[in-house]
Amino acid sequence: MNKHLNVEFPADSEVIIGILNNSDSVLKRLYLAYFPMILQLVLNNNGNEDDAKDVYQEAIIVLYNKVKRGDFELSSKLKTYIYSICRRLWLKRLKQLNRYGGDIKDFEEYLPVEEETDRHHEKDVQLNKMGEALKLLGEPCKTIMEDFYMHSKSMQDICERFGYTNADNAKTQKYKCLQRLKKLFFQQ
């Protein structure tokens, strides 16, 4: 519970589902729940209440648009995510107003949003490279890799599917395929 406003914090999943379902009540609770945290951030760093309202509004719009696009993946608490967006927006505004003193006084743990975005982009690039390497791998290796790593099939299942004499032979073949896959992956 937020002691100042006596507002119940909505669960992170409730907020995401509420945005997807256009729930005004969830958005209102979201506005009330985390605003005091952002107000404190802005007031402690050369801003006023109107500045805090503007930054918070922008952050909620960013969250809303990301959720509505369908590509939103929450990798922290929603509170931390919102704080990180507001922090970044406030730093940007301070720089524009030439009021940035070189550091910002944080009182909440935050997640560097740019680093998080870069990390997700790098992971996507790596997954695409792996997909391309799998395409180049050829059969039966491609199917063995997919069966074992993507479909969680046992070595015994793979042994039976490909007619190996025992699971150890299938395991040896999987190892050879994995080595070829690594070579293809790192050649790209």
C-alpha atoms as a PDB file:
ATOM      1  CA  MET A   1       0.000   0.000   0.000  1.00  0.00           C
ATOM      2  CA  ASN A   2       1.142   3.517  -0.757  1.00  0.00           C
ATOM      3  CA  LYS A   3       1.052   5.245   2.625  1.00  0.00           C
ATOM      4  CA  HIS A   4       0.583   8.759   1.254  1.00  0.00           C
ATOM      5  CA  LEU A   5      -2.436   8.192  -0.948  1.00  0.00           C
ATOM      6  CA  ASN A   6      -3.728   4.920   0.452  1.00  0.00           C
ATOM      7  CA  VAL A   7      -3.654   3.464  -3.078  1.00  0.00           C
ATOM      8  CA  GLU A   8      -3.313  -0.255  -3.710  1.00  0.00           C
ATOM      9  CA  PHE A   9      -0.496  -1.034  -6.153  1.00  0.00           C
ATOM     10  CA  PRO A  10      -1.814  -3.037  -9.103  1.00  0.00           C
ATOM     11  CA  ALA A  11       0.024  -6.269  -9.876  1.00  0.00           C
ATOM     12  CA  ASP A  12       2.384  -6.022 -12.863  1.00  0.00           C
ATOM     13  CA  SER A  13       0.407  -8.618 -14.819  1.00  0.00           C
ATOM     14  CA  GLU A  14      -2.826  -6.784 -13.968  1.00  0.00           C
ATOM     15  CA  VAL A  15      -1.430  -3.589 -15.512  1.00  0.00           C
ATOM     16  CA  ILE A  16      -0.336  -5.360 -18.718  1.00  0.00           C
ATOM     17  CA  ILE A  17      -3.689  -7.128 -19.093  1.00  0.00           C
ATOM     18  CA  GLY A  18      -5.524  -3.902 -18.185  1.00  0.00           C
ATOM     19  CA  ILE A  19      -3.718  -1.976 -20.915  1.00  0.00           C
ATOM     20  CA  LEU A  20      -4.424  -4.722 -23.444  1.00  0.00           C
ATOM     21  CA  ASN A  21      -8.110  -4.625 -22.439  1.00  0.00           C
ATOM     22  CA  ASN A  22      -8.330  -0.800 -22.400  1.00  0.00           C
ATOM     23  CA  SER A  23      -9.134  -0.730 -18.678  1.00  0.00           C
ATOM     24  CA  ASP A  24      -9.432   2.859 -17.434  1.00  0.00           C
ATOM     25  CA  SER A  25      -9.500   1.757 -13.794  1.00  0.00           C
ATOM     26  CA  VAL A  26      -6.144  -0.034 -14.074  1.00  0.00           C
ATOM     27  CA  LEU A  27      -4.576   3.016 -15.724  1.00  0.00           C
ATOM     28  CA  LYS A  28      -5.938   5.297 -12.988  1.00  0.00           C
ATOM     29  CA  ARG A  29      -4.525   3.011 -10.296  1.00  0.00           C
ATOM     30  CA  LEU A  30      -1.200   2.922 -12.148  1.00  0.00           C
ATOM     31  CA  TYR A  31      -1.112   6.736 -12.265  1.00  0.00           C
ATOM     32  CA  LEU A  32      -1.802   7.010  -8.546  1.00  0.00           C
ATOM     33  CA  ALA A  33       0.433   4.157  -7.423  1.00  0.00           C
ATOM     34  CA  TYR A  34       3.829   5.223  -8.767  1.00  0.00           C
ATOM     35  CA  PHE A  35       3.493   8.980  -9.187  1.00  0.00           C
ATOM     36  CA  PRO A  36       4.807   9.838  -5.677  1.00  0.00           C
ATOM     37  CA  MET A  37       8.038   7.985  -6.510  1.00  0.00           C
ATOM     38  CA  ILE A  38       8.486  10.023  -9.703  1.00  0.00           C
ATOM     39  CA  LEU A  39       7.515  13.264  -7.972  1.00  0.00           C
ATOM     40  CA  GLN A  40      10.283  12.639  -5.437  1.00  0.00           C
ATOM     41  CA  LEU A  41      12.803  11.916  -8.210  1.00  0.00           C
ATOM     42  CA  VAL A  42      11.982  15.144 -10.062  1.00  0.00           C
ATOM     43  CA  LEU A  43      11.771  17.342  -6.946  1.00  0.00           C
ATOM     44  CA  ASN A  44      15.161  16.059  -5.768  1.00  0.00           C
ATOM     45  CA  ASN A  45      16.696  16.885  -9.138  1.00  0.00           C
ATOM     46  CA  ASN A  46      15.874  20.517 -10.008  1.00  0.00           C
ATOM     47  CA  GLY A  47      12.246  20.010 -11.008  1.00  0.00           C
ATOM     48  CA  ASN A  48       8.750  20.805  -9.794  1.00  0.00           C
ATOM     49  CA  GLU A  49       5.433  18.978  -9.572  1.00  0.00           C
ATOM     50  CA  ASP A  50       4.367  19.974 -13.101  1.00  0.00           C
ATOM     51  CA  ASP A  51       7.645  18.601 -14.467  1.00  0.00           C
ATOM     52  CA  ALA A  52       7.001  15.346 -12.606  1.00  0.00           C
ATOM     53  CA  LYS A  53       3.471  15.104 -14.029  1.00  0.00           C
ATOM     54  CA  ASP A  54       4.797  15.646 -17.568  1.00  0.00           C
ATOM     55  CA  VAL A  55       7.549  13.048 -17.227  1.00  0.00           C
ATOM     56  CA  TYR A  56       5.211  10.515 -15.633  1.00  0.00           C
ATOM     57  CA  GLN A  57       2.606  11.046 -18.348  1.00  0.00           C
ATOM     58  CA  GLU A  58       5.264  10.463 -21.031  1.00  0.00           C
ATOM     59  CA  ALA A  59       6.460   7.287 -19.297  1.00  0.00           C
ATOM     60  CA  ILE A  60       2.948   5.875 -19.057  1.00  0.00           C
ATOM     61  CA  ILE A  61       2.436   6.614 -22.762  1.00  0.00           C
ATOM     62  CA  VAL A  62       5.707   4.796 -23.577  1.00  0.00           C
ATOM     63  CA  LEU A  63       4.575   1.791 -21.513  1.00  0.00           C
ATOM     64  CA  TYR A  64       1.072   1.876 -23.024  1.00  0.00           C
ATOM     65  CA  ASN A  65       2.386   1.989 -26.611  1.00  0.00           C
ATOM     66  CA  LYS A  66       4.896  -0.819 -26.035  1.00  0.00           C
ATOM     67  CA  VAL A  67       2.256  -3.073 -24.489  1.00  0.00           C
ATOM     68  CA  LYS A  68      -0.251  -2.309 -27.265  1.00  0.00           C
ATOM     69  CA  ARG A  69       2.366  -3.075 -29.967  1.00  0.00           C
ATOM     70  CA  GLY A  70       2.614  -6.578 -28.557  1.00  0.00           C
ATOM     71  CA  ASP A  71       6.411  -6.670 -28.279  1.00  0.00           C
ATOM     72  CA  PHE A  72       6.620  -5.702 -24.603  1.00  0.00           C
ATOM     73  CA  GLU A  73       8.606  -8.057 -22.410  1.00  0.00           C
ATOM     74  CA  LEU A  74       8.916  -7.098 -18.753  1.00  0.00           C
ATOM     75  CA  SER A  75      12.296  -8.203 -17.398  1.00  0.00           C
ATOM     76  CA  SER A  76      12.074  -6.341 -14.087  1.00  0.00           C
ATOM     77  CA  LYS A  77       9.379  -5.115 -11.740  1.00  0.00           C
ATOM     78  CA  LEU A  78       6.998  -2.686 -13.441  1.00  0.00           C
ATOM     79  CA  LYS A  79       7.829  -0.098 -10.772  1.00  0.00           C
ATOM     80  CA  THR A  80      11.526  -0.336 -11.711  1.00  0.00           C
ATOM     81  CA  TYR A  81      10.715  -0.139 -15.418  1.00  0.00           C
ATOM     82  CA  ILE A  82       8.575   2.995 -14.995  1.00  0.00           C
ATOM     83  CA  TYR A  83      11.182   4.602 -12.754  1.00  0.00           C
ATOM     84  CA  SER A  84      13.882   3.891 -15.360  1.00  0.00           C
ATOM     85  CA  ILE A  85      11.858   5.485 -18.148  1.00  0.00           C
ATOM     86  CA  CYS A  86      11.079   8.542 -16.021  1.00  0.00           C
ATOM     87  CA  ARG A  87      14.703   8.848 -14.958  1.00  0.00           C
ATOM     88  CA  ARG A  88      15.879   8.756 -18.578  1.00  0.00           C
ATOM     89  CA  LEU A  89      13.216  11.262 -19.656  1.00  0.00           C
ATOM     90  CA  TRP A  90      14.054  13.613 -16.778  1.00  0.00           C
ATOM     91  CA  LEU A  91      17.792  13.447 -17.508  1.00  0.00           C
ATOM     92  CA  LYS A  92      17.047  14.273 -21.136  1.00  0.00           C
ATOM     93  CA  ARG A  93      14.876  17.223 -20.115  1.00  0.00           C
ATOM     94  CA  LEU A  94      17.497  18.520 -17.656  1.00  0.00           C
ATOM     95  CA  LYS A  95      20.122  18.450 -20.393  1.00  0.00           C
ATOM     96  CA  GLN A  96      17.793  20.356 -22.736  1.00  0.00           C
ATOM     97  CA  LEU A  97      17.193  22.979 -20.028  1.00  0.00           C
ATOM     98  CA  ASN A  98      20.922  23.157 -19.173  1.00  0.00           C
ATOM     99  CA  ARG A  99      20.109  22.245 -15.563  1.00  0.00           C
ATOM    100  CA  TYR A 100      21.920  18.912 -15.560  1.00  0.00           C
ATOM    101  CA  GLY A 101      24.648  18.929 -12.923  1.00  0.00           C
ATOM    102  CA  GLY A 102      26.387  15.744 -14.013  1.00  0.00           C
ATOM    103  CA  ASP A 103      24.606  13.316 -11.724  1.00  0.00           C
ATOM    104  CA  ILE A 104      21.092  12.556 -10.626  1.00  0.00           C
ATOM    105  CA  LYS A 105      19.993  11.757  -7.086  1.00  0.00           C
ATOM    106  CA  ASP A 106      18.330   8.364  -7.137  1.00  0.00           C
ATOM    107  CA  PHE A 107      16.322   7.001  -4.286  1.00  0.00           C
ATOM    108  CA  GLU A 108      14.961   3.968  -6.097  1.00  0.00           C
ATOM    109  CA  GLU A 109      16.725   1.108  -7.783  1.00  0.00           C
ATOM    110  CA  TYR A 110      16.493   1.587 -11.519  1.00  0.00           C
ATOM    111  CA  LEU A 111      17.163  -0.361 -14.656  1.00  0.00           C
ATOM    112  CA  PRO A 112      19.170   1.387 -17.386  1.00  0.00           C
ATOM    113  CA  VAL A 113      16.566   1.193 -20.175  1.00  0.00           C
ATOM    114  CA  GLU A 114      19.025   1.761 -23.018  1.00  0.00           C
ATOM    115  CA  GLU A 115      21.247  -1.110 -21.841  1.00  0.00           C
ATOM    116  CA  GLU A 116      18.223  -3.387 -21.493  1.00  0.00           C
ATOM    117  CA  THR A 117      17.064  -2.532 -25.036  1.00  0.00           C
ATOM    118  CA  ASP A 118      20.562  -3.096 -26.415  1.00  0.00           C
ATOM    119  CA  ARG A 119      20.763  -6.462 -24.653  1.00  0.00           C
ATOM    120  CA  HIS A 120      17.444  -7.595 -26.158  1.00  0.00           C
ATOM    121  CA  HIS A 121      18.545  -6.430 -29.620  1.00  0.00           C
ATOM    122  CA  GLU A 122      21.837  -8.345 -29.314  1.00  0.00           C
ATOM    123  CA  LYS A 123      19.943 -11.464 -28.222  1.00  0.00           C
ATOM    124  CA  ASP A 124      17.667 -11.150 -31.292  1.00  0.00           C
ATOM    125  CA  VAL A 125      20.706 -10.840 -33.558  1.00  0.00           C
ATOM    126  CA  GLN A 126      22.259 -13.953 -31.993  1.00  0.00           C
ATOM    127  CA  LEU A 127      19.006 -15.921 -32.348  1.00  0.00           C
ATOM    128  CA  ASN A 128      18.753 -14.928 -36.015  1.00  0.00           C
ATOM    129  CA  LYS A 129      22.351 -16.050 -36.570  1.00  0.00           C
ATOM    130  CA  MET A 130      21.562 -19.365 -34.909  1.00  0.00           C
ATOM    131  CA  GLY A 131      18.502 -19.792 -37.124  1.00  0.00           C
ATOM    132  CA  GLU A 132      20.625 -19.187 -40.222  1.00  0.00           C
ATOM    133  CA  ALA A 133      23.277 -21.637 -38.998  1.00  0.00           C
ATOM    134  CA  LEU A 134      20.578 -24.264 -38.420  1.00  0.00           C
ATOM    135  CA  LYS A 135      19.316 -23.795 -41.989  1.00  0.00           C
ATOM    136  CA  LEU A 136      22.835 -24.377 -43.306  1.00  0.00           C
ATOM    137  CA  LEU A 137      23.418 -27.433 -41.100  1.00  0.00           C
ATOM    138  CA  GLY A 138      21.642 -29.974 -43.288  1.00  0.00           C
ATOM    139  CA  GLU A 139      20.002 -33.276 -42.391  1.00  0.00           C
ATOM    140  CA  PRO A 140      19.966 -35.295 -40.188  1.00  0.00           C
ATOM    141  CA  CYS A 141      21.809 -32.810 -37.952  1.00  0.00           C
ATOM    142  CA  LYS A 142      19.208 -30.059 -38.268  1.00  0.00           C
ATOM    143  CA  THR A 143      16.395 -32.352 -37.138  1.00  0.00           C
ATOM    144  CA  ILE A 144      18.505 -33.883 -34.349  1.00  0.00           C
ATOM    145  CA  MET A 145      19.303 -30.415 -32.970  1.00  0.00           C
ATOM    146  CA  GLU A 146      15.687 -29.296 -33.213  1.00  0.00           C
ATOM    147  CA  ASP A 147      14.367 -32.516 -31.651  1.00  0.00           C
ATOM    148  CA  PHE A 148      16.784 -32.376 -28.737  1.00  0.00           C
ATOM    149  CA  TYR A 149      16.987 -28.630 -27.978  1.00  0.00           C
ATOM    150  CA  MET A 150      13.651 -27.289 -29.174  1.00  0.00           C
ATOM    151  CA  HIS A 151      11.286 -30.226 -28.731  1.00  0.00           C
ATOM    152  CA  SER A 152      13.028 -31.735 -25.641  1.00  0.00           C
ATOM    153  CA  LYS A 153      13.122 -35.223 -27.132  1.00  0.00           C
ATOM    154  CA  SER A 154      15.226 -37.817 -25.345  1.00  0.00           C
ATOM    155  CA  MET A 155      18.290 -39.428 -26.881  1.00  0.00           C
ATOM    156  CA  GLN A 156      16.328 -42.703 -26.926  1.00  0.00           C
ATOM    157  CA  ASP A 157      13.574 -41.045 -29.026  1.00  0.00           C
ATOM    158  CA  ILE A 158      16.193 -39.642 -31.413  1.00  0.00           C
ATOM    159  CA  CYS A 159      17.892 -43.042 -31.575  1.00  0.00           C
ATOM    160  CA  GLU A 160      14.630 -44.707 -32.622  1.00  0.00           C
ATOM    161  CA  ARG A 161      13.691 -41.974 -35.099  1.00  0.00           C
ATOM    162  CA  PHE A 162      16.998 -42.151 -36.966  1.00  0.00           C
ATOM    163  CA  GLY A 163      17.690 -45.865 -36.556  1.00  0.00           C
ATOM    164  CA  TYR A 164      20.865 -45.621 -34.449  1.00  0.00           C
ATOM    165  CA  THR A 165      21.827 -48.868 -32.703  1.00  0.00           C
ATOM    166  CA  ASN A 166      21.692 -47.262 -29.230  1.00  0.00           C
ATOM    167  CA  ALA A 167      21.260 -43.942 -27.426  1.00  0.00           C
ATOM    168  CA  ASP A 168      25.036 -43.536 -27.024  1.00  0.00           C
ATOM    169  CA  ASN A 169      25.490 -43.576 -30.813  1.00  0.00           C
ATOM    170  CA  ALA A 170      22.731 -40.975 -31.131  1.00  0.00           C
ATOM    171  CA  LYS A 171      24.476 -38.889 -28.466  1.00  0.00           C
ATOM    172  CA  THR A 172      27.769 -39.090 -30.369  1.00  0.00           C
ATOM    173  CA  GLN A 173      26.011 -37.976 -33.553  1.00  0.00           C
ATOM    174  CA  LYS A 174      24.335 -35.086 -31.678  1.00  0.00           C
ATOM    175  CA  TYR A 175      27.746 -33.978 -30.400  1.00  0.00           C
ATOM    176  CA  LYS A 176      29.201 -34.012 -33.942  1.00  0.00           C
ATOM    177  CA  CYS A 177      26.183 -32.056 -35.187  1.00  0.00           C
ATOM    178  CA  LEU A 178      26.589 -29.528 -32.389  1.00  0.00           C
ATOM    179  CA  GLN A 179      30.237 -29.005 -33.331  1.00  0.00           C
ATOM    180  CA  ARG A 180      29.238 -28.387 -36.971  1.00  0.00           C
ATOM    181  CA  LEU A 181      26.500 -25.986 -35.840  1.00  0.00           C
ATOM    182  CA  LYS A 182      28.977 -24.014 -33.706  1.00  0.00           C
ATOM    183  CA  LYS A 183      31.370 -23.787 -36.648  1.00  0.00           C
ATOM    184  CA  LEU A 184      28.611 -22.508 -38.940  1.00  0.00           C
ATOM    185  CA  PHE A 185      27.416 -20.048 -36.296  1.00  0.00           C
ATOM    186  CA  PHE A 186      30.849 -18.487 -35.753  1.00  0.00           C
ATOM    187  CA  GLN A 187      31.634 -18.332 -39.486  1.00  0.00           C
ATOM    188  CA  GLN A 188      28.780 -15.860 -40.039  1.00  0.00           C
END
